[in-house]
Amino acid sequence: MSDEVRTDTEQLHKLGTVFEKHADDLARQLTAFRRRADAAALRDGFGDEAAARSHRELYEQAERALGQLRERLAEVGDGIRQTAVSTQAVEDGLDAMIRSVG
């Protein structure tokens, strides 16, 4: 087994981009979800406010959860991309140091 550690910063960038893309996709879906299932639509669908209350509460919980998930996906994507940049900077610095010794 090798003691080497290799990091493919290009793949890290791609992975970060994938997370950010999914966050953007989820944001679009959340917007569509809000349009289709707003409080007025729930009230109208159930006939009155009292009948719609529990469903509206579930809708609001789902909306918050989806918003939080979108934020986390974006944060993870950004963190992965920042890691790629930092890793590349360290690798470039080590490469320069090794070349200056030789």
Protein backbone atom coordinates (compact mmCIF):
# COMPACT_ATOMS: atom_id res chain seq x y z
CA MET A 1 0.00 0.00 0.00
CA SER A 2 1.31 3.39 -0.93
CA ASP A 3 1.70 6.18 1.63
CA GLU A 4 0.95 8.76 -1.05
CA VAL A 5 -2.14 10.88 -0.90
CA ARG A 6 -3.40 12.24 -4.16
CA THR A 7 -6.18 14.74 -4.60
CA ASP A 8 -7.69 15.42 -7.97
CA THR A 9 -8.60 19.08 -7.60
CA GLU A 10 -10.35 19.11 -10.97
CA GLN A 11 -12.70 16.38 -9.75
CA LEU A 12 -13.27 18.32 -6.53
CA HIS A 13 -14.26 21.37 -8.57
CA LYS A 14 -16.64 19.22 -10.61
CA LEU A 15 -18.15 17.69 -7.47
CA GLY A 16 -18.65 21.14 -5.93
CA THR A 17 -20.34 22.26 -9.12
CA VAL A 18 -22.66 19.23 -9.01
CA PHE A 19 -23.77 20.11 -5.46
CA GLU A 20 -24.34 23.72 -6.45
CA LYS A 21 -26.31 22.64 -9.54
CA HIS A 22 -28.54 20.45 -7.39
CA ALA A 23 -29.05 23.37 -4.99
CA ASP A 24 -30.11 25.55 -7.94
CA ASP A 25 -32.42 22.82 -9.26
CA LEU A 26 -33.99 22.46 -5.83
CA ALA A 27 -34.49 26.24 -5.62
CA ARG A 28 -36.41 26.14 -8.91
CA GLN A 29 -38.50 23.21 -7.70
CA LEU A 30 -39.18 25.00 -4.42
CA THR A 31 -40.43 28.04 -6.32
CA ALA A 32 -42.78 25.82 -8.32
CA PHE A 33 -43.87 24.07 -5.13
CA ARG A 34 -44.70 27.43 -3.53
CA ARG A 35 -46.78 28.47 -6.55
CA ARG A 36 -48.80 25.25 -6.58
CA ALA A 37 -49.31 24.80 -2.85
CA ASP A 38 -49.62 28.25 -1.34
CA ALA A 39 -51.78 28.88 1.71
CA ALA A 40 -54.68 30.32 -0.33
CA ALA A 41 -54.74 27.25 -2.58
CA LEU A 42 -54.81 24.99 0.47
CA ARG A 43 -57.63 26.98 2.04
CA ASP A 44 -59.60 26.94 -1.19
CA GLY A 45 -58.97 23.23 -1.66
CA PHE A 46 -60.27 22.37 1.81
CA GLY A 47 -63.11 24.85 1.85
CA ASP A 48 -62.12 26.88 4.88
CA GLU A 49 -59.19 27.93 7.05
CA ALA A 50 -59.89 25.47 9.88
CA ALA A 51 -59.93 22.46 7.58
CA ALA A 52 -56.75 23.58 5.81
CA ARG A 53 -54.79 24.47 8.99
CA SER A 54 -53.03 21.12 9.56
CA HIS A 55 -52.21 20.80 5.87
CA ARG A 56 -50.90 24.36 5.77
CA GLU A 57 -48.65 23.58 8.74
CA LEU A 58 -47.28 20.54 6.91
CA TYR A 59 -46.78 22.65 3.80
CA GLU A 60 -44.85 25.27 5.80
CA GLN A 61 -42.66 22.59 7.42
CA ALA A 62 -41.93 21.04 4.03
CA GLU A 63 -41.15 24.44 2.56
CA ARG A 64 -38.70 25.23 5.39
CA ALA A 65 -37.07 21.80 5.13
CA LEU A 66 -36.61 22.12 1.37
CA GLY A 67 -35.17 25.62 1.80
CA GLN A 68 -32.72 24.35 4.41
CA LEU A 69 -31.73 21.44 2.19
CA ARG A 70 -31.08 23.83 -0.69
CA GLU A 71 -28.89 25.97 1.56
CA ARG A 72 -26.91 22.95 2.77
CA LEU A 73 -26.36 21.68 -0.77
CA ALA A 74 -25.03 25.09 -1.77
CA GLU A 75 -22.80 25.25 1.33
CA VAL A 76 -21.38 21.78 0.69
CA GLY A 77 -20.72 22.63 -2.95
CA ASP A 78 -18.99 25.86 -1.97
CA GLY A 79 -16.95 24.07 0.71
CA ILE A 80 -15.80 21.40 -1.73
CA ARG A 81 -14.79 24.02 -4.28
CA GLN A 82 -12.91 26.01 -1.61
CA THR A 83 -11.12 22.81 -0.59
CA ALA A 84 -10.11 22.26 -4.21
CA VAL A 85 -8.68 25.77 -4.45
CA SER A 86 -6.79 25.42 -1.16
CA THR A 87 -5.48 21.98 -2.09
CA GLN A 88 -4.28 23.22 -5.47
CA ALA A 89 -2.51 26.17 -3.81
CA VAL A 90 -0.72 23.84 -1.39
CA GLU A 91 0.26 21.45 -4.19
CA ASP A 92 1.55 24.35 -6.30
CA GLY A 93 3.56 25.64 -3.33
CA LEU A 94 5.08 22.22 -2.65
CA ASP A 95 5.88 21.79 -6.32
CA ALA A 96 7.63 25.18 -6.41
CA MET A 97 9.56 24.37 -3.22
CA ILE A 98 10.73 21.00 -4.59
CA ARG A 99 11.80 22.57 -7.88
CA SER A 100 13.75 25.30 -6.08
CA VAL A 101 15.75 22.70 -4.12
CA GLY A 102 16.78 20.76 -7.23
